[in-house]
Each structure stands twice: as structure tokens, then as C-alpha cells.
Amino acid sequence: FTGITGDIEVIYKLATDLTLPFVPVLGSDNSNYDMDHSMNLAVIDPNGNYFGFFKSPHTPEKMAQVLESIITFN
């Protein structure tokens, strides 16, 4: 899994497009990095193709099954 960082405007646009909301934690000592965010995980391949997302709770077995099917069909 890879996290993302970058300009806030770009991250906000991506998060909005993927319906994966985030908000800064108010009153945090580290306001540049403390964020509340969705527990959903977007599935995006290295070419930027979006396949969907995993909803919480995440299980390794289910994630492996879904990822294997994506690889098989692509």
C-alpha cells in the first residue's frame, strides 16, 4: 500500500473524486500531518486506473481475493 502526499488542493480533489473524505484534526500540536480520514482504501494500479475501494473492516483474506481477481482480469 502507498500513501499519498502533495499539494492540499490536489489531494482534496482526489479524495473528493474517490469519496474518501479527510479533515485536519483541530487542536492538534501537529496540524500539518494529523488528519481524520475515511477507513476505506482505494484500489488504484500503478497506471492510475481506479478499481474501487475496500470498506472497513479490512481482512487480509478478502483483500487478497479481490486483488487476485483484479490481476486475473487485467
PDB file of N, CA and C in Angstrom:
ATOM      1  N   PHE A   1       0.846  -1.182   0.000  1.00  0.00           N
ATOM      2  CA  PHE A   1       0.000   0.000   0.000  1.00  0.00           C
ATOM      3  C   PHE A   1       0.880   1.230   0.000  1.00  0.00           C
ATOM      4  N   THR A   2       0.425   2.261  -0.667  1.00  0.00           N
ATOM      5  CA  THR A   2       1.172   3.501  -0.750  1.00  0.00           C
ATOM      6  C   THR A   2       0.273   4.647  -0.330  1.00  0.00           C
ATOM      7  N   GLY A   3       0.758   5.442   0.597  1.00  0.00           N
ATOM      8  CA  GLY A   3       0.044   6.658   0.971  1.00  0.00           C
ATOM      9  C   GLY A   3       0.388   7.752  -0.023  1.00  0.00           C
ATOM     10  N   ILE A   4      -0.341   8.844   0.032  1.00  0.00           N
ATOM     11  CA  ILE A   4      -0.053   9.956  -0.872  1.00  0.00           C
ATOM     12  C   ILE A   4       0.209  11.219  -0.079  1.00  0.00           C
ATOM     13  N   THR A   5       0.902  12.119  -0.716  1.00  0.00           N
ATOM     14  CA  THR A   5       1.082  13.461  -0.181  1.00  0.00           C
ATOM     15  C   THR A   5       1.245  14.401  -1.368  1.00  0.00           C
ATOM     16  N   GLY A   6       1.190  15.667  -1.101  1.00  0.00           N
ATOM     17  CA  GLY A   6       1.314  16.651  -2.166  1.00  0.00           C
ATOM     18  C   GLY A   6       0.576  17.910  -1.795  1.00  0.00           C
ATOM     19  N   ASP A   7       0.312  18.736  -2.791  1.00  0.00           N
ATOM     20  CA  ASP A   7      -0.431  19.970  -2.553  1.00  0.00           C
ATOM     21  C   ASP A   7      -1.832  19.642  -2.059  1.00  0.00           C
ATOM     22  N   ILE A   8      -2.292  20.373  -1.074  1.00  0.00           N
ATOM     23  CA  ILE A   8      -3.588  20.105  -0.458  1.00  0.00           C
ATOM     24  C   ILE A   8      -4.720  20.159  -1.477  1.00  0.00           C
ATOM     25  N   GLU A   9      -4.622  21.053  -2.460  1.00  0.00           N
ATOM     26  CA  GLU A   9      -5.675  21.160  -3.467  1.00  0.00           C
ATOM     27  C   GLU A   9      -5.774  19.883  -4.301  1.00  0.00           C
ATOM     28  N   VAL A  10      -4.640  19.303  -4.649  1.00  0.00           N
ATOM     29  CA  VAL A  10      -4.614  18.081  -5.456  1.00  0.00           C
ATOM     30  C   VAL A  10      -5.130  16.901  -4.636  1.00  0.00           C
ATOM     31  N   ILE A  11      -4.684  16.809  -3.391  1.00  0.00           N
ATOM     32  CA  ILE A  11      -5.145  15.725  -2.521  1.00  0.00           C
ATOM     33  C   ILE A  11      -6.646  15.847  -2.281  1.00  0.00           C
ATOM     34  N   TYR A  12      -7.123  17.062  -2.035  1.00  0.00           N
ATOM     35  CA  TYR A  12      -8.554  17.270  -1.809  1.00  0.00           C
ATOM     36  C   TYR A  12      -9.361  16.842  -3.029  1.00  0.00           C
ATOM     37  N   LYS A  13      -8.901  17.203  -4.231  1.00  0.00           N
ATOM     38  CA  LYS A  13      -9.600  16.824  -5.464  1.00  0.00           C
ATOM     39  C   LYS A  13      -9.653  15.308  -5.606  1.00  0.00           C
ATOM     40  N   LEU A  14      -8.534  14.643  -5.385  1.00  0.00           N
ATOM     41  CA  LEU A  14      -8.501  13.183  -5.484  1.00  0.00           C
ATOM     42  C   LEU A  14      -9.422  12.555  -4.440  1.00  0.00           C
ATOM     43  N   ALA A  15      -9.335  13.016  -3.199  1.00  0.00           N
ATOM     44  CA  ALA A  15     -10.174  12.469  -2.127  1.00  0.00           C
ATOM     45  C   ALA A  15     -11.654  12.679  -2.426  1.00  0.00           C
ATOM     46  N   THR A  16     -11.996  13.833  -2.957  1.00  0.00           N
ATOM     47  CA  THR A  16     -13.387  14.121  -3.312  1.00  0.00           C
ATOM     48  C   THR A  16     -13.847  13.227  -4.464  1.00  0.00           C
ATOM     49  N   ASP A  17     -13.013  13.085  -5.483  1.00  0.00           N
ATOM     50  CA  ASP A  17     -13.359  12.226  -6.620  1.00  0.00           C
ATOM     51  C   ASP A  17     -13.579  10.778  -6.187  1.00  0.00           C
ATOM     52  N   LEU A  18     -12.819  10.331  -5.194  1.00  0.00           N
ATOM     53  CA  LEU A  18     -12.912   8.950  -4.727  1.00  0.00           C
ATOM     54  C   LEU A  18     -13.877   8.781  -3.556  1.00  0.00           C
ATOM     55  N   THR A  19     -14.524   9.859  -3.160  1.00  0.00           N
ATOM     56  CA  THR A  19     -15.402   9.885  -1.974  1.00  0.00           C
ATOM     57  C   THR A  19     -14.699   9.305  -0.751  1.00  0.00           C
ATOM     58  N   LEU A  20     -13.468   9.772  -0.531  1.00  0.00           N
ATOM     59  CA  LEU A  20     -12.662   9.384   0.627  1.00  0.00           C
ATOM     60  C   LEU A  20     -12.330  10.654   1.412  1.00  0.00           C
ATOM     61  N   PRO A  21     -13.253  11.112   2.252  1.00  0.00           N
ATOM     62  CA  PRO A  21     -13.077  12.408   2.923  1.00  0.00           C
ATOM     63  C   PRO A  21     -11.955  12.410   3.960  1.00  0.00           C
ATOM     64  N   PHE A  22     -11.429  13.605   4.193  1.00  0.00           N
ATOM     65  CA  PHE A  22     -10.461  13.808   5.270  1.00  0.00           C
ATOM     66  C   PHE A  22     -10.611  15.225   5.797  1.00  0.00           C
ATOM     67  N   VAL A  23     -10.260  15.417   7.054  1.00  0.00           N
ATOM     68  CA  VAL A  23     -10.286  16.744   7.677  1.00  0.00           C
ATOM     69  C   VAL A  23      -9.127  16.849   8.656  1.00  0.00           C
ATOM     70  N   PRO A  24      -8.513  18.027   8.769  1.00  0.00           N
ATOM     71  CA  PRO A  24      -7.450  18.214   9.760  1.00  0.00           C
ATOM     72  C   PRO A  24      -8.016  18.048  11.172  1.00  0.00           C
ATOM     73  N   VAL A  25      -7.192  17.532  12.071  1.00  0.00           N
ATOM     74  CA  VAL A  25      -7.582  17.393  13.471  1.00  0.00           C
ATOM     75  C   VAL A  25      -7.420  18.749  14.137  1.00  0.00           C
ATOM     76  N   LEU A  26      -8.521  19.312  14.618  1.00  0.00           N
ATOM     77  CA  LEU A  26      -8.467  20.618  15.276  1.00  0.00           C
ATOM     78  C   LEU A  26      -7.814  20.488  16.642  1.00  0.00           C
ATOM     79  N   GLY A  27      -6.987  21.457  16.991  1.00  0.00           N
ATOM     80  CA  GLY A  27      -6.327  21.456  18.287  1.00  0.00           C
ATOM     81  C   GLY A  27      -5.120  20.545  18.363  1.00  0.00           C
ATOM     82  N   SER A  28      -4.711  19.983  17.242  1.00  0.00           N
ATOM     83  CA  SER A  28      -3.548  19.105  17.226  1.00  0.00           C
ATOM     84  C   SER A  28      -2.272  19.924  17.324  1.00  0.00           C
ATOM     85  N   ASP A  29      -1.276  19.379  17.991  1.00  0.00           N
ATOM     86  CA  ASP A  29       0.032  20.035  18.056  1.00  0.00           C
ATOM     87  C   ASP A  29       0.752  19.967  16.714  1.00  0.00           C
ATOM     88  N   ASN A  30       0.331  19.090  15.853  1.00  0.00           N
ATOM     89  CA  ASN A  30       0.991  18.875  14.572  1.00  0.00           C
ATOM     90  C   ASN A  30      -0.043  19.008  13.453  1.00  0.00           C
ATOM     91  N   SER A  31      -0.568  20.199  13.249  1.00  0.00           N
ATOM     92  CA  SER A  31      -1.685  20.410  12.323  1.00  0.00           C
ATOM     93  C   SER A  31      -1.345  20.128  10.862  1.00  0.00           C
ATOM     94  N   ASN A  32      -0.064  20.044  10.511  1.00  0.00           N
ATOM     95  CA  ASN A  32       0.300  19.739   9.128  1.00  0.00           C
ATOM     96  C   ASN A  32       0.093  18.270   8.783  1.00  0.00           C
ATOM     97  N   TYR A  33       0.033  17.398   9.783  1.00  0.00           N
ATOM     98  CA  TYR A  33       0.006  15.970   9.497  1.00  0.00           C
ATOM     99  C   TYR A  33      -1.141  15.208  10.141  1.00  0.00           C
ATOM    100  N   ASP A  34      -1.761  15.721  11.170  1.00  0.00           N
ATOM    101  CA  ASP A  34      -2.824  14.991  11.846  1.00  0.00           C
ATOM    102  C   ASP A  34      -4.141  15.179  11.105  1.00  0.00           C
ATOM    103  N   MET A  35      -4.647  14.084  10.562  1.00  0.00           N
ATOM    104  CA  MET A  35      -5.880  14.112   9.783  1.00  0.00           C
ATOM    105  C   MET A  35      -6.797  12.991  10.243  1.00  0.00           C
ATOM    106  N   ASP A  36      -8.090  13.289  10.296  1.00  0.00           N
ATOM    107  CA  ASP A  36      -9.097  12.240  10.394  1.00  0.00           C
ATOM    108  C   ASP A  36      -9.494  11.918   8.962  1.00  0.00           C
ATOM    109  N   HIS A  37      -9.624  10.651   8.658  1.00  0.00           N
ATOM    110  CA  HIS A  37      -9.926  10.283   7.278  1.00  0.00           C
ATOM    111  C   HIS A  37     -10.747   9.009   7.221  1.00  0.00           C
ATOM    112  N   SER A  38     -11.279   8.757   6.069  1.00  0.00           N
ATOM    113  CA  SER A  38     -12.060   7.555   5.814  1.00  0.00           C
ATOM    114  C   SER A  38     -11.207   6.321   6.075  1.00  0.00           C
ATOM    115  N   MET A  39     -11.838   5.254   6.502  1.00  0.00           N
ATOM    116  CA  MET A  39     -11.127   3.984   6.676  1.00  0.00           C
ATOM    117  C   MET A  39     -11.168   3.146   5.407  1.00  0.00           C
ATOM    118  N   ASN A  40     -11.818   3.652   4.366  1.00  0.00           N
ATOM    119  CA  ASN A  40     -11.844   2.943   3.092  1.00  0.00           C
ATOM    120  C   ASN A  40     -10.494   3.076   2.407  1.00  0.00           C
ATOM    121  N   LEU A  41     -10.114   2.041   1.676  1.00  0.00           N
ATOM    122  CA  LEU A  41      -8.853   2.029   0.936  1.00  0.00           C
ATOM    123  C   LEU A  41      -9.150   1.966  -0.553  1.00  0.00           C
ATOM    124  N   ALA A  42      -8.671   2.953  -1.304  1.00  0.00           N
ATOM    125  CA  ALA A  42      -8.864   2.956  -2.753  1.00  0.00           C
ATOM    126  C   ALA A  42      -7.917   1.951  -3.392  1.00  0.00           C
ATOM    127  N   VAL A  43      -8.397   1.290  -4.439  1.00  0.00           N
ATOM    128  CA  VAL A  43      -7.575   0.352  -5.203  1.00  0.00           C
ATOM    129  C   VAL A  43      -7.282   1.005  -6.547  1.00  0.00           C
ATOM    130  N   ILE A  44      -6.021   1.428  -6.712  1.00  0.00           N
ATOM    131  CA  ILE A  44      -5.568   2.134  -7.914  1.00  0.00           C
ATOM    132  C   ILE A  44      -4.278   1.471  -8.367  1.00  0.00           C
ATOM    133  N   ASP A  45      -4.199   1.096  -9.642  1.00  0.00           N
ATOM    134  CA  ASP A  45      -2.982   0.439 -10.117  1.00  0.00           C
ATOM    135  C   ASP A  45      -1.890   1.467 -10.414  1.00  0.00           C
ATOM    136  N   PRO A  46      -0.672   1.009 -10.698  1.00  0.00           N
ATOM    137  CA  PRO A  46       0.437   1.939 -10.956  1.00  0.00           C
ATOM    138  C   PRO A  46       0.203   2.880 -12.134  1.00  0.00           C
ATOM    139  N   ASN A  47      -0.728   2.534 -13.027  1.00  0.00           N
ATOM    140  CA  ASN A  47      -1.042   3.400 -14.165  1.00  0.00           C
ATOM    141  C   ASN A  47      -2.134   4.411 -13.849  1.00  0.00           C
ATOM    142  N   GLY A  48      -2.640   4.389 -12.620  1.00  0.00           N
ATOM    143  CA  GLY A  48      -3.671   5.335 -12.218  1.00  0.00           C
ATOM    144  C   GLY A  48      -5.093   4.869 -12.472  1.00  0.00           C
ATOM    145  N   ASN A  49      -5.270   3.612 -12.872  1.00  0.00           N
ATOM    146  CA  ASN A  49      -6.614   3.073 -13.096  1.00  0.00           C
ATOM    147  C   ASN A  49      -7.276   2.746 -11.761  1.00  0.00           C
ATOM    148  N   TYR A  50      -8.485   3.242 -11.572  1.00  0.00           N
ATOM    149  CA  TYR A  50      -9.240   3.047 -10.337  1.00  0.00           C
ATOM    150  C   TYR A  50     -10.120   1.809 -10.466  1.00  0.00           C
ATOM    151  N   PHE A  51     -10.054   0.929  -9.468  1.00  0.00           N
ATOM    152  CA  PHE A  51     -10.836  -0.307  -9.493  1.00  0.00           C
ATOM    153  C   PHE A  51     -11.931  -0.353  -8.438  1.00  0.00           C
ATOM    154  N   GLY A  52     -11.936   0.577  -7.510  1.00  0.00           N
ATOM    155  CA  GLY A  52     -12.925   0.570  -6.437  1.00  0.00           C
ATOM    156  C   GLY A  52     -12.231   0.782  -5.106  1.00  0.00           C
ATOM    157  N   PHE A  53     -12.903   0.364  -4.037  1.00  0.00           N
ATOM    158  CA  PHE A  53     -12.280   0.516  -2.728  1.00  0.00           C
ATOM    159  C   PHE A  53     -12.742  -0.570  -1.785  1.00  0.00           C
ATOM    160  N   PHE A  54     -11.921  -0.799  -0.766  1.00  0.00           N
ATOM    161  CA  PHE A  54     -12.254  -1.714   0.311  1.00  0.00           C
ATOM    162  C   PHE A  54     -12.899  -0.913   1.424  1.00  0.00           C
ATOM    163  N   LYS A  55     -14.049  -1.383   1.899  1.00  0.00           N
ATOM    164  CA  LYS A  55     -14.689  -0.770   3.056  1.00  0.00           C
ATOM    165  C   LYS A  55     -14.165  -1.440   4.324  1.00  0.00           C
ATOM    166  N   SER A  56     -14.140  -0.687   5.400  1.00  0.00           N
ATOM    167  CA  SER A  56     -13.744  -1.222   6.690  1.00  0.00           C
ATOM    168  C   SER A  56     -14.873  -2.101   7.230  1.00  0.00           C
ATOM    169  N   PRO A  57     -14.612  -3.162   7.943  1.00  0.00           N
ATOM    170  CA  PRO A  57     -13.300  -3.647   8.384  1.00  0.00           C
ATOM    171  C   PRO A  57     -12.594  -4.406   7.256  1.00  0.00           C
ATOM    172  N   HIS A  58     -11.283  -4.280   7.224  1.00  0.00           N
ATOM    173  CA  HIS A  58     -10.466  -4.917   6.202  1.00  0.00           C
ATOM    174  C   HIS A  58      -9.983  -6.275   6.714  1.00  0.00           C
ATOM    175  N   THR A  59     -10.059  -7.275   5.868  1.00  0.00           N
ATOM    176  CA  THR A  59      -9.488  -8.576   6.211  1.00  0.00           C
ATOM    177  C   THR A  59      -8.487  -8.943   5.126  1.00  0.00           C
ATOM    178  N   PRO A  60      -7.321  -9.414   5.518  1.00  0.00           N
ATOM    179  CA  PRO A  60      -6.296  -9.763   4.523  1.00  0.00           C
ATOM    180  C   PRO A  60      -6.794 -10.791   3.506  1.00  0.00           C
ATOM    181  N   GLU A  61      -7.587 -11.750   3.965  1.00  0.00           N
ATOM    182  CA  GLU A  61      -8.076 -12.793   3.062  1.00  0.00           C
ATOM    183  C   GLU A  61      -8.975 -12.213   1.972  1.00  0.00           C
ATOM    184  N   LYS A  62      -9.902 -11.371   2.354  1.00  0.00           N
ATOM    185  CA  LYS A  62     -10.819 -10.766   1.378  1.00  0.00           C
ATOM    186  C   LYS A  62     -10.059  -9.832   0.433  1.00  0.00           C
ATOM    187  N   MET A  63      -9.134  -9.059   0.981  1.00  0.00           N
ATOM    188  CA  MET A  63      -8.357  -8.145   0.142  1.00  0.00           C
ATOM    189  C   MET A  63      -7.530  -8.927  -0.869  1.00  0.00           C
ATOM    190  N   ALA A  64      -6.897 -10.018  -0.434  1.00  0.00           N
ATOM    191  CA  ALA A  64      -6.092 -10.839  -1.341  1.00  0.00           C
ATOM    192  C   ALA A  64      -6.961 -11.430  -2.444  1.00  0.00           C
ATOM    193  N   GLN A  65      -8.159 -11.879  -2.082  1.00  0.00           N
ATOM    194  CA  GLN A  65      -9.082 -12.455  -3.061  1.00  0.00           C
ATOM    195  C   GLN A  65      -9.475 -11.423  -4.119  1.00  0.00           C
ATOM    196  N   VAL A  66      -9.810 -10.229  -3.691  1.00  0.00           N
ATOM    197  CA  VAL A  66     -10.216  -9.174  -4.622  1.00  0.00           C
ATOM    198  C   VAL A  66      -9.043  -8.757  -5.502  1.00  0.00           C
ATOM    199  N   LEU A  67      -7.877  -8.548  -4.898  1.00  0.00           N
ATOM    200  CA  LEU A  67      -6.707  -8.140  -5.683  1.00  0.00           C
ATOM    201  C   LEU A  67      -6.326  -9.209  -6.698  1.00  0.00           C
ATOM    202  N   GLU A  68      -6.417 -10.463  -6.314  1.00  0.00           N
ATOM    203  CA  GLU A  68      -6.124 -11.547  -7.254  1.00  0.00           C
ATOM    204  C   GLU A  68      -7.092 -11.522  -8.435  1.00  0.00           C
ATOM    205  N   SER A  69      -8.366 -11.253  -8.176  1.00  0.00           N
ATOM    206  CA  SER A  69      -9.333 -11.199  -9.276  1.00  0.00           C
ATOM    207  C   SER A  69      -9.061 -10.012 -10.195  1.00  0.00           C
ATOM    208  N   ILE A  70      -8.635  -8.890  -9.634  1.00  0.00           N
ATOM    209  CA  ILE A  70      -8.289  -7.727 -10.462  1.00  0.00           C
ATOM    210  C   ILE A  70      -7.109  -8.059 -11.363  1.00  0.00           C
ATOM    211  N   ILE A  71      -6.095  -8.692 -10.795  1.00  0.00           N
ATOM    212  CA  ILE A  71      -4.904  -9.060 -11.572  1.00  0.00           C
ATOM    213  C   ILE A  71      -5.279 -10.055 -12.670  1.00  0.00           C
ATOM    214  N   THR A  72      -6.123 -11.017 -12.343  1.00  0.00           N
ATOM    215  CA  THR A  72      -6.541 -12.039 -13.308  1.00  0.00           C
ATOM    216  C   THR A  72      -7.285 -11.429 -14.493  1.00  0.00           C
ATOM    217  N   PHE A  73      -8.170 -10.476 -14.218  1.00  0.00           N
ATOM    218  CA  PHE A  73      -8.980  -9.883 -15.281  1.00  0.00           C
ATOM    219  C   PHE A  73      -8.255  -8.789 -16.050  1.00  0.00           C
ATOM    220  N   ASN A  74      -7.105  -8.372 -15.563  1.00  0.00           N
ATOM    221  CA  ASN A  74      -6.366  -7.313 -16.250  1.00  0.00           C
ATOM    222  C   ASN A  74      -5.030  -7.841 -16.675  1.00  0.00           C
TER     223      ASN A  74
END
